[in-house]
Amino acid sequence: MTGVVVTDIERADAATAAALAEFGSATVHEAMGRVGYAGPRIRPIQQGTRIAGTAITVQVAPGDNLMVHAAIEQARAGDVIVVVPITDSAFGFIGDLMATQMQTRGVRAYVTSGGVRDTAELREMGFPVWTAHVSAQGTVKDTAGSVNLPVILDQVEVHPGDVVVADDDGVTIVPRQRAEQTLDAARARTAKETANRERYRAGEISMDVNNLRPVLEGLGVRFVTQEEHDRGGR
C-alpha cells in the first residue's frame, strides 16, 4: 500500500527495547530461536556502537527519499528509522542534514536496505547507521510510499513498533509482542555464557561443556590415529 502514513503506532515498551541493546544482535538472534536476523548485507558504517530502539518503518521508491522526510516527522526519542526501497536501490537516501534532524528528535539510529552518503560526517556526528550501500548518488522527492506499514528488510519482516537491535554483527528484529520474553531469554543466555566462559578459562573445552561427544558418536564420526587412517587408506 502506498500513500499512507500511520501516525499512532503502538511501540514496544521503551525500557525493554533499550535494555535489549546490552545483549547485541547475535545474542538476541540466538535467544529468539535463531530468527530475526536481517542478513549479512546490512552492515554498520561505524564500529563499536550497539543500539536498540523501536521501529519507524518506511517504504520508498528507488532513488526517492520523500517518505523518509515524512517518517522523520513521525519519529520520537528512542525510535530507529528503518527504510526499505521497493527494489534494490544504491542511492544515498540520507546524509548529514537528514541525520541532524533525526538526531535532534532523539532518533537512535537509521537502518536501510538502500544506501546512505556523508558517512564521514555521520560518524563524526555519532549518528549510527546500518546500510546495504554507501553511495554519493543523491535522490529525488517525487513518489509516494508508506510510513509505519510492515516492510521486508532483506531477510526479515519489520512491523512498526518492533525492536531493532544493531551492533557490529548486524541487525536483528524483535517483534513487539516478543520483546519482554526475548529480554528474559537474552539474560538467561548471557548468564549461561558467562558461566561457560569461566569453565573455559579453567581449562575445560566445549566438547565436554556442551556434551558434544555423543553427538559426534551418533553421527558416526570416528577418532583414529594417523597410523590407523593410513592403513585404512591403502
C-alpha atoms as a PDB file:
ATOM      1  CA  MET A   1       0.000   0.000   0.000  1.00  0.00           C
ATOM      2  CA  THR A   2       1.363   3.414  -0.921  1.00  0.00           C
ATOM      3  CA  GLY A   3       0.339   6.915   0.018  1.00  0.00           C
ATOM      4  CA  VAL A   4      -0.223   6.037   3.696  1.00  0.00           C
ATOM      5  CA  VAL A   5       1.397   7.449   6.844  1.00  0.00           C
ATOM      6  CA  VAL A   6       0.222   5.775  10.054  1.00  0.00           C
ATOM      7  CA  THR A   7       0.617   8.260  12.886  1.00  0.00           C
ATOM      8  CA  ASP A   8      -0.377   6.404  16.068  1.00  0.00           C
ATOM      9  CA  ILE A   9       1.594   3.166  16.100  1.00  0.00           C
ATOM     10  CA  GLU A  10       1.964   1.027  19.206  1.00  0.00           C
ATOM     11  CA  ARG A  11       5.588   0.623  20.215  1.00  0.00           C
ATOM     12  CA  ALA A  12       7.358  -1.974  22.304  1.00  0.00           C
ATOM     13  CA  ASP A  13       7.977  -0.825  25.855  1.00  0.00           C
ATOM     14  CA  ALA A  14      10.774   1.758  25.727  1.00  0.00           C
ATOM     15  CA  ALA A  15      12.679   0.404  28.731  1.00  0.00           C
ATOM     16  CA  THR A  16      12.535  -3.146  27.399  1.00  0.00           C
ATOM     17  CA  ALA A  17      13.735  -2.003  23.982  1.00  0.00           C
ATOM     18  CA  ALA A  18      16.625  -0.035  25.488  1.00  0.00           C
ATOM     19  CA  ALA A  19      17.628  -2.975  27.702  1.00  0.00           C
ATOM     20  CA  LEU A  20      17.986  -5.281  24.689  1.00  0.00           C
ATOM     21  CA  ALA A  21      20.897  -3.142  23.455  1.00  0.00           C
ATOM     22  CA  GLU A  22      23.074  -4.626  26.198  1.00  0.00           C
ATOM     23  CA  PHE A  23      22.965  -8.063  24.591  1.00  0.00           C
ATOM     24  CA  GLY A  24      23.604  -7.258  20.925  1.00  0.00           C
ATOM     25  CA  SER A  25      22.230  -8.644  17.691  1.00  0.00           C
ATOM     26  CA  ALA A  26      23.814 -12.112  17.826  1.00  0.00           C
ATOM     27  CA  THR A  27      22.711 -12.965  21.372  1.00  0.00           C
ATOM     28  CA  VAL A  28      19.195 -11.653  20.726  1.00  0.00           C
ATOM     29  CA  HIS A  29      19.016 -13.646  17.486  1.00  0.00           C
ATOM     30  CA  GLU A  30      20.001 -16.810  19.353  1.00  0.00           C
ATOM     31  CA  ALA A  31      17.699 -16.043  22.288  1.00  0.00           C
ATOM     32  CA  MET A  32      14.693 -15.879  19.937  1.00  0.00           C
ATOM     33  CA  GLY A  33      15.498 -19.278  18.444  1.00  0.00           C
ATOM     34  CA  ARG A  34      17.828 -18.098  15.661  1.00  0.00           C
ATOM     35  CA  VAL A  35      15.297 -15.853  13.953  1.00  0.00           C
ATOM     36  CA  GLY A  36      15.046 -12.117  13.334  1.00  0.00           C
ATOM     37  CA  TYR A  37      18.462 -11.525  11.744  1.00  0.00           C
ATOM     38  CA  ALA A  38      18.231  -9.184   8.743  1.00  0.00           C
ATOM     39  CA  GLY A  39      21.163 -10.853   6.985  1.00  0.00           C
ATOM     40  CA  PRO A  40      24.806 -10.066   6.249  1.00  0.00           C
ATOM     41  CA  ARG A  41      24.134  -7.356   3.664  1.00  0.00           C
ATOM     42  CA  ILE A  42      23.046  -4.772   6.250  1.00  0.00           C
ATOM     43  CA  ARG A  43      26.318  -3.533   7.759  1.00  0.00           C
ATOM     44  CA  PRO A  44      27.340  -0.677  10.092  1.00  0.00           C
ATOM     45  CA  ILE A  45      29.206   2.352   8.788  1.00  0.00           C
ATOM     46  CA  GLN A  46      30.839   2.693  12.226  1.00  0.00           C
ATOM     47  CA  GLN A  47      32.391   0.276  14.698  1.00  0.00           C
ATOM     48  CA  GLY A  48      31.852  -0.237  18.397  1.00  0.00           C
ATOM     49  CA  THR A  49      28.257   1.008  18.511  1.00  0.00           C
ATOM     50  CA  ARG A  50      25.422  -1.054  19.986  1.00  0.00           C
ATOM     51  CA  ILE A  51      21.829   0.232  19.947  1.00  0.00           C
ATOM     52  CA  ALA A  52      18.234  -0.893  20.324  1.00  0.00           C
ATOM     53  CA  GLY A  53      15.075   1.079  19.673  1.00  0.00           C
ATOM     54  CA  THR A  54      11.557   0.915  18.286  1.00  0.00           C
ATOM     55  CA  ALA A  55      10.990   0.809  14.534  1.00  0.00           C
ATOM     56  CA  ILE A  56       9.528   3.511  12.348  1.00  0.00           C
ATOM     57  CA  THR A  57       9.130   1.640   9.051  1.00  0.00           C
ATOM     58  CA  VAL A  58       9.387   3.329   5.663  1.00  0.00           C
ATOM     59  CA  GLN A  59       8.773   2.001   2.145  1.00  0.00           C
ATOM     60  CA  VAL A  60      10.302   4.182  -0.575  1.00  0.00           C
ATOM     61  CA  ALA A  61      10.557   4.217  -4.353  1.00  0.00           C
ATOM     62  CA  PRO A  62      14.024   3.576  -5.815  1.00  0.00           C
ATOM     63  CA  GLY A  63      16.148   6.719  -5.629  1.00  0.00           C
ATOM     64  CA  ASP A  64      13.397   8.718  -3.900  1.00  0.00           C
ATOM     65  CA  ASN A  65      13.582   9.813  -0.251  1.00  0.00           C
ATOM     66  CA  LEU A  66      10.304  11.727   0.019  1.00  0.00           C
ATOM     67  CA  MET A  67       8.828   9.296   2.545  1.00  0.00           C
ATOM     68  CA  VAL A  68      11.936   9.455   4.744  1.00  0.00           C
ATOM     69  CA  HIS A  69      11.150  13.130   5.297  1.00  0.00           C
ATOM     70  CA  ALA A  70       7.605  12.143   6.269  1.00  0.00           C
ATOM     71  CA  ALA A  71       8.955   9.474   8.626  1.00  0.00           C
ATOM     72  CA  ILE A  72      11.173  11.934  10.487  1.00  0.00           C
ATOM     73  CA  GLU A  73       8.065  13.873  11.469  1.00  0.00           C
ATOM     74  CA  GLN A  74       6.557  10.695  12.954  1.00  0.00           C
ATOM     75  CA  ALA A  75       9.683   9.703  14.889  1.00  0.00           C
ATOM     76  CA  ARG A  76      10.229  10.309  18.557  1.00  0.00           C
ATOM     77  CA  ALA A  77      13.038   9.722  21.034  1.00  0.00           C
ATOM     78  CA  GLY A  78      14.142   6.090  21.125  1.00  0.00           C
ATOM     79  CA  ASP A  79      12.966   5.228  17.623  1.00  0.00           C
ATOM     80  CA  VAL A  80      15.011   3.675  14.819  1.00  0.00           C
ATOM     81  CA  ILE A  81      14.029   4.658  11.283  1.00  0.00           C
ATOM     82  CA  VAL A  82      14.021   1.577   9.010  1.00  0.00           C
ATOM     83  CA  VAL A  83      13.935   2.384   5.277  1.00  0.00           C
ATOM     84  CA  VAL A  84      13.302  -0.218   2.574  1.00  0.00           C
ATOM     85  CA  PRO A  85      13.213   0.634  -1.160  1.00  0.00           C
ATOM     86  CA  ILE A  86      10.761  -1.454  -3.177  1.00  0.00           C
ATOM     87  CA  THR A  87      13.692  -2.653  -5.319  1.00  0.00           C
ATOM     88  CA  ASP A  88      17.411  -2.669  -4.579  1.00  0.00           C
ATOM     89  CA  SER A  89      18.499   0.948  -4.781  1.00  0.00           C
ATOM     90  CA  ALA A  90      22.098   2.006  -4.184  1.00  0.00           C
ATOM     91  CA  PHE A  91      21.360   5.699  -3.674  1.00  0.00           C
ATOM     92  CA  GLY A  92      22.344   7.917  -0.762  1.00  0.00           C
ATOM     93  CA  PHE A  93      18.849   8.278   0.695  1.00  0.00           C
ATOM     94  CA  ILE A  94      20.115  10.296   3.659  1.00  0.00           C
ATOM     95  CA  GLY A  95      23.166  12.307   4.552  1.00  0.00           C
ATOM     96  CA  ASP A  96      24.213  14.556   7.381  1.00  0.00           C
ATOM     97  CA  LEU A  97      21.347  17.074   7.032  1.00  0.00           C
ATOM     98  CA  MET A  98      18.608  14.485   7.437  1.00  0.00           C
ATOM     99  CA  ALA A  99      20.610  12.780  10.170  1.00  0.00           C
ATOM    100  CA  THR A 100      20.807  16.094  12.017  1.00  0.00           C
ATOM    101  CA  GLN A 101      17.002  16.244  12.080  1.00  0.00           C
ATOM    102  CA  MET A 102      16.792  12.667  13.327  1.00  0.00           C
ATOM    103  CA  GLN A 103      19.426  13.167  15.982  1.00  0.00           C
ATOM    104  CA  THR A 104      17.720  16.332  17.237  1.00  0.00           C
ATOM    105  CA  ARG A 105      14.447  14.425  17.588  1.00  0.00           C
ATOM    106  CA  GLY A 106      16.153  11.680  19.593  1.00  0.00           C
ATOM    107  CA  VAL A 107      16.122   9.040  16.854  1.00  0.00           C
ATOM    108  CA  ARG A 108      18.522   6.333  17.964  1.00  0.00           C
ATOM    109  CA  ALA A 109      19.722   5.095  14.554  1.00  0.00           C
ATOM    110  CA  TYR A 110      18.954   4.638  10.870  1.00  0.00           C
ATOM    111  CA  VAL A 111      18.757   1.204   9.208  1.00  0.00           C
ATOM    112  CA  THR A 112      18.258   0.620   5.490  1.00  0.00           C
ATOM    113  CA  SER A 113      18.496  -1.884   2.668  1.00  0.00           C
ATOM    114  CA  GLY A 114      19.073   1.151   0.461  1.00  0.00           C
ATOM    115  CA  GLY A 115      22.070   3.429   0.801  1.00  0.00           C
ATOM    116  CA  VAL A 116      23.488   6.423   2.645  1.00  0.00           C
ATOM    117  CA  ARG A 117      26.064   9.114   1.969  1.00  0.00           C
ATOM    118  CA  ASP A 118      28.106  11.604   4.015  1.00  0.00           C
ATOM    119  CA  THR A 119      29.375   8.660   6.029  1.00  0.00           C
ATOM    120  CA  ALA A 120      32.391  10.517   7.456  1.00  0.00           C
ATOM    121  CA  GLU A 121      30.091  13.265   8.701  1.00  0.00           C
ATOM    122  CA  LEU A 122      27.645  10.724  10.141  1.00  0.00           C
ATOM    123  CA  ARG A 123      30.444   9.057  12.081  1.00  0.00           C
ATOM    124  CA  GLU A 124      31.695  12.445  13.294  1.00  0.00           C
ATOM    125  CA  MET A 125      28.162  13.289  14.466  1.00  0.00           C
ATOM    126  CA  GLY A 126      27.941   9.987  16.311  1.00  0.00           C
ATOM    127  CA  PHE A 127      24.733   9.093  14.471  1.00  0.00           C
ATOM    128  CA  PRO A 128      24.652   5.297  13.974  1.00  0.00           C
ATOM    129  CA  VAL A 129      23.735   3.831  10.587  1.00  0.00           C
ATOM    130  CA  TRP A 130      23.395   0.292   9.228  1.00  0.00           C
ATOM    131  CA  THR A 131      23.097   0.071   5.450  1.00  0.00           C
ATOM    132  CA  ALA A 132      23.419  -2.160   2.403  1.00  0.00           C
ATOM    133  CA  HIS A 133      25.114   0.536   0.313  1.00  0.00           C
ATOM    134  CA  VAL A 134      27.275   3.628   0.602  1.00  0.00           C
ATOM    135  CA  SER A 135      26.698   5.918  -2.356  1.00  0.00           C
ATOM    136  CA  ALA A 136      27.335   9.535  -3.300  1.00  0.00           C
ATOM    137  CA  GLN A 137      24.362   9.459  -5.671  1.00  0.00           C
ATOM    138  CA  GLY A 138      21.505  11.587  -4.372  1.00  0.00           C
ATOM    139  CA  THR A 139      17.744  11.127  -4.576  1.00  0.00           C
ATOM    140  CA  VAL A 140      14.598  12.923  -5.744  1.00  0.00           C
ATOM    141  CA  LYS A 141      11.323  13.607  -3.908  1.00  0.00           C
ATOM    142  CA  ASP A 142       8.635  12.652  -6.409  1.00  0.00           C
ATOM    143  CA  THR A 143       6.985   9.375  -5.433  1.00  0.00           C
ATOM    144  CA  ALA A 144       4.591   8.324  -2.678  1.00  0.00           C
ATOM    145  CA  GLY A 145       5.426   5.408  -0.432  1.00  0.00           C
ATOM    146  CA  SER A 146       4.391   4.465   3.089  1.00  0.00           C
ATOM    147  CA  VAL A 147       5.325   5.101   6.695  1.00  0.00           C
ATOM    148  CA  ASN A 148       4.559   2.680   9.523  1.00  0.00           C
ATOM    149  CA  LEU A 149       3.350  -0.264   7.494  1.00  0.00           C
ATOM    150  CA  PRO A 150       5.210  -3.618   7.539  1.00  0.00           C
ATOM    151  CA  VAL A 151       8.347  -3.853   5.384  1.00  0.00           C
ATOM    152  CA  ILE A 152      10.807  -6.604   4.453  1.00  0.00           C
ATOM    153  CA  LEU A 153      14.344  -5.636   5.449  1.00  0.00           C
ATOM    154  CA  ASP A 154      16.337  -8.094   3.334  1.00  0.00           C
ATOM    155  CA  GLN A 155      15.686 -11.346   5.245  1.00  0.00           C
ATOM    156  CA  VAL A 156      13.272 -10.233   7.970  1.00  0.00           C
ATOM    157  CA  GLU A 157       9.842  -8.655   8.238  1.00  0.00           C
ATOM    158  CA  VAL A 158       9.689  -5.474  10.312  1.00  0.00           C
ATOM    159  CA  HIS A 159       6.469  -4.104  11.782  1.00  0.00           C
ATOM    160  CA  PRO A 160       6.192  -0.588  13.169  1.00  0.00           C
ATOM    161  CA  GLY A 161       6.982  -0.610  16.866  1.00  0.00           C
ATOM    162  CA  ASP A 162       9.168  -3.736  16.705  1.00  0.00           C
ATOM    163  CA  VAL A 163      12.535  -3.577  18.438  1.00  0.00           C
ATOM    164  CA  VAL A 164      15.605  -3.058  16.258  1.00  0.00           C
ATOM    165  CA  VAL A 165      18.835  -4.368  17.837  1.00  0.00           C
ATOM    166  CA  ALA A 166      22.018  -3.462  15.965  1.00  0.00           C
ATOM    167  CA  ASP A 167      25.764  -3.610  16.513  1.00  0.00           C
ATOM    168  CA  ASP A 168      28.965  -4.596  14.699  1.00  0.00           C
ATOM    169  CA  ASP A 169      27.452  -8.019  13.856  1.00  0.00           C
ATOM    170  CA  GLY A 170      24.435  -6.585  12.044  1.00  0.00           C
ATOM    171  CA  VAL A 171      20.730  -6.065  12.718  1.00  0.00           C
ATOM    172  CA  THR A 172      18.180  -8.280  14.487  1.00  0.00           C
ATOM    173  CA  ILE A 173      14.465  -7.511  14.687  1.00  0.00           C
ATOM    174  CA  VAL A 174      12.430  -8.461  17.752  1.00  0.00           C
ATOM    175  CA  PRO A 175       8.653  -8.487  17.233  1.00  0.00           C
ATOM    176  CA  ARG A 176       6.972  -6.022  19.557  1.00  0.00           C
ATOM    177  CA  GLN A 177       4.880  -8.749  21.207  1.00  0.00           C
ATOM    178  CA  ARG A 178       8.005 -10.813  21.986  1.00  0.00           C
ATOM    179  CA  ALA A 179      10.172  -8.045  23.420  1.00  0.00           C
ATOM    180  CA  GLU A 180       9.873  -8.873  27.129  1.00  0.00           C
ATOM    181  CA  GLN A 181      10.132 -12.629  26.523  1.00  0.00           C
ATOM    182  CA  THR A 182      13.233 -12.073  24.383  1.00  0.00           C
ATOM    183  CA  LEU A 183      14.832  -9.860  27.024  1.00  0.00           C
ATOM    184  CA  ASP A 184      14.380 -12.625  29.618  1.00  0.00           C
ATOM    185  CA  ALA A 185      15.809 -15.217  27.219  1.00  0.00           C
ATOM    186  CA  ALA A 186      18.780 -12.985  26.375  1.00  0.00           C
ATOM    187  CA  ARG A 187      19.559 -12.524  30.058  1.00  0.00           C
ATOM    188  CA  ALA A 188      19.408 -16.283  30.643  1.00  0.00           C
ATOM    189  CA  ARG A 189      21.609 -16.980  27.638  1.00  0.00           C
ATOM    190  CA  THR A 190      24.171 -14.404  28.749  1.00  0.00           C
ATOM    191  CA  ALA A 191      24.284 -15.884  32.260  1.00  0.00           C
ATOM    192  CA  LYS A 192      24.921 -19.341  30.783  1.00  0.00           C
ATOM    193  CA  GLU A 193      27.661 -17.972  28.512  1.00  0.00           C
ATOM    194  CA  THR A 194      29.305 -16.230  31.465  1.00  0.00           C
ATOM    195  CA  ALA A 195      29.380 -19.488  33.401  1.00  0.00           C
ATOM    196  CA  ASN A 196      30.775 -21.370  30.397  1.00  0.00           C
ATOM    197  CA  ARG A 197      33.427 -18.739  29.852  1.00  0.00           C
ATOM    198  CA  GLU A 198      34.714 -19.320  33.374  1.00  0.00           C
ATOM    199  CA  ARG A 199      34.844 -23.073  32.714  1.00  0.00           C
ATOM    200  CA  TYR A 200      36.865 -22.459  29.530  1.00  0.00           C
ATOM    201  CA  ARG A 201      39.244 -20.215  31.446  1.00  0.00           C
ATOM    202  CA  ALA A 202      39.675 -23.045  33.928  1.00  0.00           C
ATOM    203  CA  GLY A 203      40.802 -25.323  31.089  1.00  0.00           C
ATOM    204  CA  GLU A 204      37.649 -27.173  30.039  1.00  0.00           C
ATOM    205  CA  ILE A 205      36.752 -27.351  26.367  1.00  0.00           C
ATOM    206  CA  SER A 206      33.455 -27.022  24.536  1.00  0.00           C
ATOM    207  CA  MET A 207      33.438 -30.698  23.512  1.00  0.00           C
ATOM    208  CA  ASP A 208      32.782 -31.547  27.159  1.00  0.00           C
ATOM    209  CA  VAL A 209      30.958 -28.432  28.358  1.00  0.00           C
ATOM    210  CA  ASN A 210      28.411 -28.803  25.549  1.00  0.00           C
ATOM    211  CA  ASN A 211      28.355 -32.620  25.723  1.00  0.00           C
ATOM    212  CA  LEU A 212      29.238 -32.957  22.033  1.00  0.00           C
ATOM    213  CA  ARG A 213      30.893 -36.372  22.145  1.00  0.00           C
ATOM    214  CA  PRO A 214      27.575 -38.291  21.990  1.00  0.00           C
ATOM    215  CA  VAL A 215      26.526 -36.064  19.079  1.00  0.00           C
ATOM    216  CA  LEU A 216      29.636 -36.981  17.106  1.00  0.00           C
ATOM    217  CA  GLU A 217      29.190 -40.645  18.001  1.00  0.00           C
ATOM    218  CA  GLY A 218      25.587 -40.580  16.845  1.00  0.00           C
ATOM    219  CA  LEU A 219      26.722 -39.142  13.513  1.00  0.00           C
ATOM    220  CA  GLY A 220      29.240 -41.931  13.056  1.00  0.00           C
ATOM    221  CA  VAL A 221      32.323 -39.748  13.495  1.00  0.00           C
ATOM    222  CA  ARG A 222      35.337 -41.874  14.478  1.00  0.00           C
ATOM    223  CA  PHE A 223      38.570 -40.857  16.191  1.00  0.00           C
ATOM    224  CA  VAL A 224      41.563 -42.703  14.688  1.00  0.00           C
ATOM    225  CA  THR A 225      45.327 -42.428  14.896  1.00  0.00           C
ATOM    226  CA  GLN A 226      47.324 -41.358  11.867  1.00  0.00           C
ATOM    227  CA  GLU A 227      48.581 -44.941  11.518  1.00  0.00           C
ATOM    228  CA  GLU A 228      45.038 -46.297  11.564  1.00  0.00           C
ATOM    229  CA  HIS A 229      43.987 -43.736   8.988  1.00  0.00           C
ATOM    230  CA  ASP A 230      46.923 -44.551   6.715  1.00  0.00           C
ATOM    231  CA  ARG A 231      46.269 -48.277   6.923  1.00  0.00           C
ATOM    232  CA  GLY A 232      42.626 -47.782   6.077  1.00  0.00           C
ATOM    233  CA  GLY A 233      43.527 -45.644   3.093  1.00  0.00           C
ATOM    234  CA  ARG A 234      45.537 -48.379   1.370  1.00  0.00           C
END
